[in-house]
Amino acid sequence: MSVLTDPIADFLIRLKNASRAGLSEFTAPYSKIKAEIARILQEEGYVWKYEVINDGKFPEIKVTVKFIDGVPALTDLKRVSKPGRRNYVPAGEIPTVRRGLGISILSTSRGIMTGAKARKTNVGGELLAIVW
């Protein structure tokens, strides 16, 4: 097994690949931030559900991908902030994704939240990803 330099990007790419390949679910190594991202994606309607599995040596997160009439709910996503280049945005500059049809995911001082919620609470942070 190789060492991952960007585990969040790995999780997001697993989600993107699973939805494009038509897989109903996928697993990834567990972390708190991945669970929070999965929670946001579930709340926003991009995945059906997620659960943490503690069966083996290391916990995993299992995500059930959402399909509507055979078409994935997730069209595409982009990892914005990377380990080599962090991207921080103030509350007034949080981007709208696809004119409001997508979401942005931020890591703020008040936890992981969507761009709309961060704008509403007037808090900026690290722009992790945009999803549409």
N, C-alpha and C. Protein backbone atom coordinates (compact mmCIF):
# COMPACT_ATOMS: atom_id res chain seq x y z
N MET A 1 0.84 -1.18 0.00
CA MET A 1 0.00 0.00 0.00
C MET A 1 0.89 1.24 0.00
N SER A 2 0.52 2.21 -0.81
CA SER A 2 1.33 3.40 -0.93
C SER A 2 0.86 4.48 0.05
N VAL A 3 1.72 5.42 0.29
CA VAL A 3 1.40 6.53 1.18
C VAL A 3 0.72 7.63 0.36
N LEU A 4 -0.41 8.11 0.84
CA LEU A 4 -1.14 9.16 0.15
C LEU A 4 -0.69 10.52 0.66
N THR A 5 -0.44 11.43 -0.25
CA THR A 5 -0.07 12.78 0.16
C THR A 5 -1.30 13.67 0.30
N ASP A 6 -2.41 13.29 -0.34
CA ASP A 6 -3.64 14.07 -0.25
C ASP A 6 -4.83 13.13 -0.08
N PRO A 7 -5.12 12.71 1.15
CA PRO A 7 -6.21 11.76 1.36
C PRO A 7 -7.60 12.31 1.03
N ILE A 8 -7.80 13.63 1.12
CA ILE A 8 -9.10 14.21 0.77
C ILE A 8 -9.33 14.09 -0.73
N ALA A 9 -8.30 14.37 -1.51
CA ALA A 9 -8.42 14.23 -2.96
C ALA A 9 -8.66 12.77 -3.34
N ASP A 10 -8.03 11.85 -2.64
CA ASP A 10 -8.25 10.43 -2.89
C ASP A 10 -9.72 10.07 -2.64
N PHE A 11 -10.29 10.55 -1.54
CA PHE A 11 -11.69 10.28 -1.22
C PHE A 11 -12.61 10.86 -2.29
N LEU A 12 -12.37 12.10 -2.70
CA LEU A 12 -13.22 12.74 -3.71
C LEU A 12 -13.12 12.05 -5.06
N ILE A 13 -11.92 11.62 -5.43
CA ILE A 13 -11.75 10.93 -6.71
C ILE A 13 -12.40 9.55 -6.67
N ARG A 14 -12.36 8.88 -5.52
CA ARG A 14 -13.08 7.60 -5.39
C ARG A 14 -14.58 7.81 -5.60
N LEU A 15 -15.10 8.89 -5.05
CA LEU A 15 -16.52 9.21 -5.24
C LEU A 15 -16.81 9.49 -6.71
N LYS A 16 -15.99 10.29 -7.34
CA LYS A 16 -16.19 10.64 -8.74
C LYS A 16 -16.09 9.40 -9.63
N ASN A 17 -15.10 8.55 -9.39
CA ASN A 17 -14.94 7.34 -10.19
C ASN A 17 -16.09 6.37 -9.99
N ALA A 18 -16.56 6.23 -8.75
CA ALA A 18 -17.67 5.33 -8.47
C ALA A 18 -18.94 5.80 -9.17
N SER A 19 -19.20 7.10 -9.14
CA SER A 19 -20.41 7.61 -9.79
C SER A 19 -20.32 7.47 -11.30
N ARG A 20 -19.17 7.71 -11.88
CA ARG A 20 -19.03 7.59 -13.33
C ARG A 20 -19.03 6.14 -13.80
N ALA A 21 -18.55 5.24 -12.96
CA ALA A 21 -18.51 3.82 -13.33
C ALA A 21 -19.84 3.12 -13.04
N GLY A 22 -20.75 3.81 -12.37
CA GLY A 22 -22.05 3.22 -12.08
C GLY A 22 -22.04 2.30 -10.87
N LEU A 23 -21.04 2.43 -10.00
CA LEU A 23 -20.97 1.62 -8.79
C LEU A 23 -21.93 2.18 -7.74
N SER A 24 -22.59 1.30 -7.02
CA SER A 24 -23.55 1.77 -6.04
C SER A 24 -22.89 2.24 -4.75
N GLU A 25 -21.69 1.73 -4.44
CA GLU A 25 -21.00 2.15 -3.22
C GLU A 25 -19.49 1.97 -3.36
N PHE A 26 -18.77 2.63 -2.47
CA PHE A 26 -17.32 2.50 -2.42
C PHE A 26 -16.87 2.69 -0.99
N THR A 27 -15.65 2.26 -0.70
CA THR A 27 -15.07 2.45 0.63
C THR A 27 -13.76 3.22 0.50
N ALA A 28 -13.41 3.89 1.58
CA ALA A 28 -12.16 4.64 1.66
C ALA A 28 -11.69 4.60 3.10
N PRO A 29 -10.41 4.81 3.34
CA PRO A 29 -9.94 4.88 4.72
C PRO A 29 -10.63 6.03 5.47
N TYR A 30 -10.95 5.79 6.73
CA TYR A 30 -11.72 6.75 7.52
C TYR A 30 -10.83 7.86 8.08
N SER A 31 -11.39 9.06 8.10
CA SER A 31 -10.86 10.17 8.88
C SER A 31 -12.04 11.08 9.21
N LYS A 32 -11.88 11.93 10.20
CA LYS A 32 -12.98 12.80 10.62
C LYS A 32 -13.37 13.76 9.52
N ILE A 33 -12.39 14.29 8.79
CA ILE A 33 -12.69 15.27 7.75
C ILE A 33 -13.42 14.61 6.58
N LYS A 34 -13.07 13.36 6.25
CA LYS A 34 -13.78 12.65 5.18
C LYS A 34 -15.22 12.37 5.60
N ALA A 35 -15.42 12.03 6.86
CA ALA A 35 -16.78 11.79 7.35
C ALA A 35 -17.61 13.08 7.30
N GLU A 36 -17.00 14.20 7.61
CA GLU A 36 -17.71 15.48 7.54
C GLU A 36 -18.05 15.85 6.10
N ILE A 37 -17.12 15.60 5.17
CA ILE A 37 -17.39 15.86 3.75
C ILE A 37 -18.52 14.96 3.28
N ALA A 38 -18.50 13.69 3.68
CA ALA A 38 -19.57 12.76 3.31
C ALA A 38 -20.91 13.21 3.90
N ARG A 39 -20.90 13.74 5.12
CA ARG A 39 -22.12 14.24 5.75
C ARG A 39 -22.70 15.40 4.95
N ILE A 40 -21.83 16.31 4.52
CA ILE A 40 -22.28 17.45 3.72
C ILE A 40 -22.84 16.98 2.39
N LEU A 41 -22.15 16.03 1.75
CA LEU A 41 -22.62 15.51 0.47
C LEU A 41 -23.97 14.81 0.62
N GLN A 42 -24.19 14.16 1.76
CA GLN A 42 -25.48 13.52 2.01
C GLN A 42 -26.56 14.57 2.23
N GLU A 43 -26.27 15.60 3.01
CA GLU A 43 -27.23 16.66 3.27
C GLU A 43 -27.62 17.40 1.99
N GLU A 44 -26.66 17.57 1.09
CA GLU A 44 -26.91 18.30 -0.15
C GLU A 44 -27.48 17.42 -1.26
N GLY A 45 -27.58 16.11 -1.02
CA GLY A 45 -28.22 15.22 -1.98
C GLY A 45 -27.32 14.61 -3.04
N TYR A 46 -26.02 14.56 -2.80
CA TYR A 46 -25.10 13.96 -3.77
C TYR A 46 -24.83 12.48 -3.51
N VAL A 47 -25.04 12.04 -2.27
CA VAL A 47 -24.90 10.62 -1.92
C VAL A 47 -26.12 10.22 -1.07
N TRP A 48 -26.46 8.93 -1.10
CA TRP A 48 -27.59 8.45 -0.30
C TRP A 48 -27.25 8.42 1.18
N LYS A 49 -26.14 7.73 1.50
CA LYS A 49 -25.76 7.61 2.91
C LYS A 49 -24.28 7.28 3.00
N TYR A 50 -23.78 7.38 4.21
CA TYR A 50 -22.41 6.97 4.50
C TYR A 50 -22.42 6.33 5.88
N GLU A 51 -21.47 5.45 6.11
CA GLU A 51 -21.34 4.82 7.42
C GLU A 51 -19.88 4.47 7.67
N VAL A 52 -19.54 4.46 8.94
CA VAL A 52 -18.18 4.11 9.35
C VAL A 52 -18.17 2.63 9.74
N ILE A 53 -17.23 1.89 9.16
CA ILE A 53 -17.11 0.46 9.40
C ILE A 53 -15.84 0.22 10.21
N ASN A 54 -15.98 -0.42 11.36
CA ASN A 54 -14.85 -0.70 12.24
C ASN A 54 -14.54 -2.19 12.32
N ASP A 55 -14.75 -2.93 11.25
CA ASP A 55 -14.55 -4.38 11.27
C ASP A 55 -13.08 -4.79 11.31
N GLY A 56 -12.27 -4.20 10.48
CA GLY A 56 -10.89 -4.64 10.33
C GLY A 56 -9.93 -3.92 11.26
N LYS A 57 -8.68 -3.92 10.84
CA LYS A 57 -7.63 -3.29 11.63
C LYS A 57 -7.78 -1.77 11.66
N PHE A 58 -8.16 -1.20 10.51
CA PHE A 58 -8.34 0.24 10.41
C PHE A 58 -9.79 0.54 10.02
N PRO A 59 -10.39 1.59 10.58
CA PRO A 59 -11.77 1.92 10.20
C PRO A 59 -11.84 2.44 8.77
N GLU A 60 -12.99 2.20 8.14
CA GLU A 60 -13.23 2.66 6.78
C GLU A 60 -14.56 3.40 6.74
N ILE A 61 -14.71 4.23 5.74
CA ILE A 61 -15.97 4.92 5.51
C ILE A 61 -16.57 4.34 4.23
N LYS A 62 -17.83 3.93 4.32
CA LYS A 62 -18.53 3.33 3.19
C LYS A 62 -19.60 4.31 2.73
N VAL A 63 -19.55 4.69 1.46
CA VAL A 63 -20.46 5.70 0.91
C VAL A 63 -21.32 5.05 -0.16
N THR A 64 -22.62 5.28 -0.08
CA THR A 64 -23.55 4.80 -1.10
C THR A 64 -23.85 5.96 -2.05
N VAL A 65 -23.49 5.76 -3.31
CA VAL A 65 -23.60 6.80 -4.33
C VAL A 65 -25.06 6.95 -4.76
N LYS A 66 -25.49 8.16 -5.01
CA LYS A 66 -26.88 8.43 -5.39
C LYS A 66 -27.02 8.48 -6.91
N PHE A 67 -27.98 7.72 -7.41
CA PHE A 67 -28.33 7.73 -8.83
C PHE A 67 -29.81 8.07 -8.96
N ILE A 68 -30.15 8.88 -9.95
CA ILE A 68 -31.53 9.22 -10.24
C ILE A 68 -31.82 8.78 -11.66
N ASP A 69 -32.64 7.74 -11.81
CA ASP A 69 -32.96 7.13 -13.11
C ASP A 69 -31.69 6.71 -13.85
N GLY A 70 -30.74 6.15 -13.14
CA GLY A 70 -29.50 5.66 -13.74
C GLY A 70 -28.45 6.72 -13.98
N VAL A 71 -28.75 7.97 -13.69
CA VAL A 71 -27.81 9.07 -13.88
C VAL A 71 -27.28 9.48 -12.51
N PRO A 72 -25.95 9.59 -12.35
CA PRO A 72 -25.42 9.97 -11.04
C PRO A 72 -25.83 11.39 -10.66
N ALA A 73 -26.13 11.58 -9.37
CA ALA A 73 -26.48 12.91 -8.87
C ALA A 73 -25.27 13.84 -8.92
N LEU A 74 -24.09 13.26 -8.79
CA LEU A 74 -22.84 14.03 -8.84
C LEU A 74 -22.38 14.11 -10.29
N THR A 75 -22.36 15.31 -10.85
CA THR A 75 -21.88 15.48 -12.22
C THR A 75 -20.37 15.52 -12.26
N ASP A 76 -19.79 16.38 -11.42
CA ASP A 76 -18.33 16.50 -11.38
C ASP A 76 -17.94 17.19 -10.08
N LEU A 77 -16.67 17.16 -9.79
CA LEU A 77 -16.14 17.86 -8.62
C LEU A 77 -14.70 18.24 -8.90
N LYS A 78 -14.21 19.19 -8.12
CA LYS A 78 -12.83 19.65 -8.29
C LYS A 78 -12.24 19.94 -6.93
N ARG A 79 -11.07 19.38 -6.67
CA ARG A 79 -10.32 19.66 -5.44
C ARG A 79 -9.62 20.99 -5.65
N VAL A 80 -9.89 21.97 -4.82
CA VAL A 80 -9.35 23.31 -5.02
C VAL A 80 -8.06 23.49 -4.22
N SER A 81 -8.14 23.36 -2.90
CA SER A 81 -6.98 23.54 -2.04
C SER A 81 -6.21 22.22 -1.96
N LYS A 82 -4.92 22.29 -2.18
CA LYS A 82 -4.10 21.09 -2.19
C LYS A 82 -2.99 21.24 -1.14
N PRO A 83 -2.34 20.14 -0.75
CA PRO A 83 -1.29 20.26 0.27
C PRO A 83 -0.16 21.21 -0.12
N GLY A 84 0.18 21.28 -1.40
CA GLY A 84 1.25 22.16 -1.83
C GLY A 84 0.82 23.59 -2.02
N ARG A 85 -0.48 23.79 -2.18
CA ARG A 85 -1.00 25.14 -2.41
C ARG A 85 -2.38 25.27 -1.78
N ARG A 86 -2.41 25.83 -0.60
CA ARG A 86 -3.67 26.03 0.11
C ARG A 86 -4.40 27.23 -0.47
N ASN A 87 -5.71 27.17 -0.50
CA ASN A 87 -6.51 28.24 -1.06
C ASN A 87 -7.50 28.71 0.01
N TYR A 88 -7.23 29.87 0.58
CA TYR A 88 -8.08 30.43 1.62
C TYR A 88 -8.92 31.56 1.03
N VAL A 89 -10.18 31.63 1.44
CA VAL A 89 -11.08 32.67 0.95
C VAL A 89 -11.79 33.33 2.12
N PRO A 90 -11.92 34.66 2.09
CA PRO A 90 -12.73 35.33 3.11
C PRO A 90 -14.22 35.11 2.83
N ALA A 91 -15.05 35.44 3.78
CA ALA A 91 -16.49 35.17 3.66
C ALA A 91 -17.11 35.86 2.45
N GLY A 92 -16.64 37.03 2.11
CA GLY A 92 -17.22 37.77 0.98
C GLY A 92 -16.79 37.26 -0.38
N GLU A 93 -15.77 36.41 -0.44
CA GLU A 93 -15.26 35.92 -1.71
C GLU A 93 -15.48 34.43 -1.93
N ILE A 94 -16.36 33.81 -1.15
CA ILE A 94 -16.67 32.40 -1.33
C ILE A 94 -17.39 32.24 -2.67
N PRO A 95 -16.87 31.38 -3.56
CA PRO A 95 -17.45 31.30 -4.90
C PRO A 95 -18.80 30.59 -4.91
N THR A 96 -19.66 31.04 -5.83
CA THR A 96 -20.89 30.30 -6.11
C THR A 96 -20.56 29.33 -7.23
N VAL A 97 -21.04 28.13 -7.15
CA VAL A 97 -20.70 27.08 -8.10
C VAL A 97 -21.86 26.89 -9.07
N ARG A 98 -21.58 27.01 -10.35
CA ARG A 98 -22.57 26.81 -11.40
C ARG A 98 -23.86 27.61 -11.14
N ARG A 99 -23.67 28.87 -10.79
CA ARG A 99 -24.78 29.80 -10.52
C ARG A 99 -25.76 29.25 -9.50
N GLY A 100 -25.23 28.61 -8.46
CA GLY A 100 -26.05 28.12 -7.38
C GLY A 100 -26.48 26.67 -7.52
N LEU A 101 -26.13 26.00 -8.62
CA LEU A 101 -26.52 24.61 -8.81
C LEU A 101 -25.54 23.63 -8.17
N GLY A 102 -24.40 24.11 -7.72
CA GLY A 102 -23.41 23.27 -7.05
C GLY A 102 -23.11 23.83 -5.67
N ILE A 103 -22.17 23.17 -4.99
CA ILE A 103 -21.78 23.62 -3.66
C ILE A 103 -20.27 23.74 -3.57
N SER A 104 -19.84 24.57 -2.66
CA SER A 104 -18.43 24.62 -2.31
C SER A 104 -18.31 24.12 -0.87
N ILE A 105 -17.22 23.41 -0.59
CA ILE A 105 -16.99 22.85 0.74
C ILE A 105 -15.79 23.55 1.34
N LEU A 106 -15.97 24.11 2.53
CA LEU A 106 -14.92 24.86 3.20
C LEU A 106 -14.59 24.26 4.56
N SER A 107 -13.33 24.40 4.93
CA SER A 107 -12.90 24.07 6.28
C SER A 107 -12.71 25.39 7.00
N THR A 108 -13.58 25.65 7.97
CA THR A 108 -13.55 26.93 8.67
C THR A 108 -13.15 26.72 10.13
N SER A 109 -13.08 27.81 10.85
CA SER A 109 -12.79 27.72 12.28
C SER A 109 -13.97 27.12 13.04
N ARG A 110 -15.12 27.07 12.41
CA ARG A 110 -16.32 26.48 13.03
C ARG A 110 -16.64 25.11 12.45
N GLY A 111 -15.69 24.49 11.78
CA GLY A 111 -15.88 23.15 11.24
C GLY A 111 -16.03 23.16 9.73
N ILE A 112 -16.26 21.97 9.17
CA ILE A 112 -16.46 21.81 7.73
C ILE A 112 -17.90 22.21 7.41
N MET A 113 -18.08 23.08 6.40
CA MET A 113 -19.42 23.51 6.02
C MET A 113 -19.47 23.90 4.56
N THR A 114 -20.67 24.05 4.05
CA THR A 114 -20.85 24.48 2.67
C THR A 114 -20.56 25.97 2.56
N GLY A 115 -20.34 26.41 1.32
CA GLY A 115 -20.07 27.82 1.09
C GLY A 115 -21.24 28.70 1.47
N ALA A 116 -22.47 28.23 1.22
CA ALA A 116 -23.66 29.02 1.55
C ALA A 116 -23.78 29.22 3.06
N LYS A 117 -23.52 28.17 3.81
CA LYS A 117 -23.61 28.27 5.27
C LYS A 117 -22.49 29.17 5.80
N ALA A 118 -21.29 29.07 5.21
CA ALA A 118 -20.18 29.92 5.63
C ALA A 118 -20.47 31.39 5.33
N ARG A 119 -21.07 31.65 4.17
CA ARG A 119 -21.46 33.01 3.83
C ARG A 119 -22.49 33.54 4.81
N LYS A 120 -23.45 32.68 5.17
CA LYS A 120 -24.52 33.08 6.08
C LYS A 120 -23.98 33.40 7.48
N THR A 121 -23.00 32.60 7.94
CA THR A 121 -22.42 32.85 9.26
C THR A 121 -21.25 33.82 9.21
N ASN A 122 -20.95 34.34 8.00
CA ASN A 122 -19.90 35.33 7.79
C ASN A 122 -18.53 34.85 8.27
N VAL A 123 -18.15 33.64 7.83
CA VAL A 123 -16.86 33.08 8.18
C VAL A 123 -16.20 32.53 6.92
N GLY A 124 -14.94 32.80 6.76
CA GLY A 124 -14.18 32.28 5.63
C GLY A 124 -13.37 31.08 6.06
N GLY A 125 -12.55 30.57 5.15
CA GLY A 125 -11.73 29.42 5.48
C GLY A 125 -11.03 28.85 4.26
N GLU A 126 -10.58 27.62 4.41
CA GLU A 126 -9.88 26.94 3.32
C GLU A 126 -10.90 26.31 2.39
N LEU A 127 -10.85 26.66 1.11
CA LEU A 127 -11.76 26.13 0.12
C LEU A 127 -11.28 24.73 -0.30
N LEU A 128 -11.93 23.70 0.23
CA LEU A 128 -11.48 22.33 -0.02
C LEU A 128 -11.85 21.85 -1.41
N ALA A 129 -13.12 21.98 -1.80
CA ALA A 129 -13.57 21.45 -3.07
C ALA A 129 -14.83 22.16 -3.52
N ILE A 130 -15.11 22.04 -4.83
CA ILE A 130 -16.38 22.47 -5.38
C ILE A 130 -17.04 21.27 -6.03
N VAL A 131 -18.33 21.13 -5.85
CA VAL A 131 -19.08 19.97 -6.32
C VAL A 131 -20.30 20.45 -7.09
N TRP A 132 -20.56 19.79 -8.23
CA TRP A 132 -21.78 20.09 -8.97
C TRP A 132 -22.29 18.86 -9.64
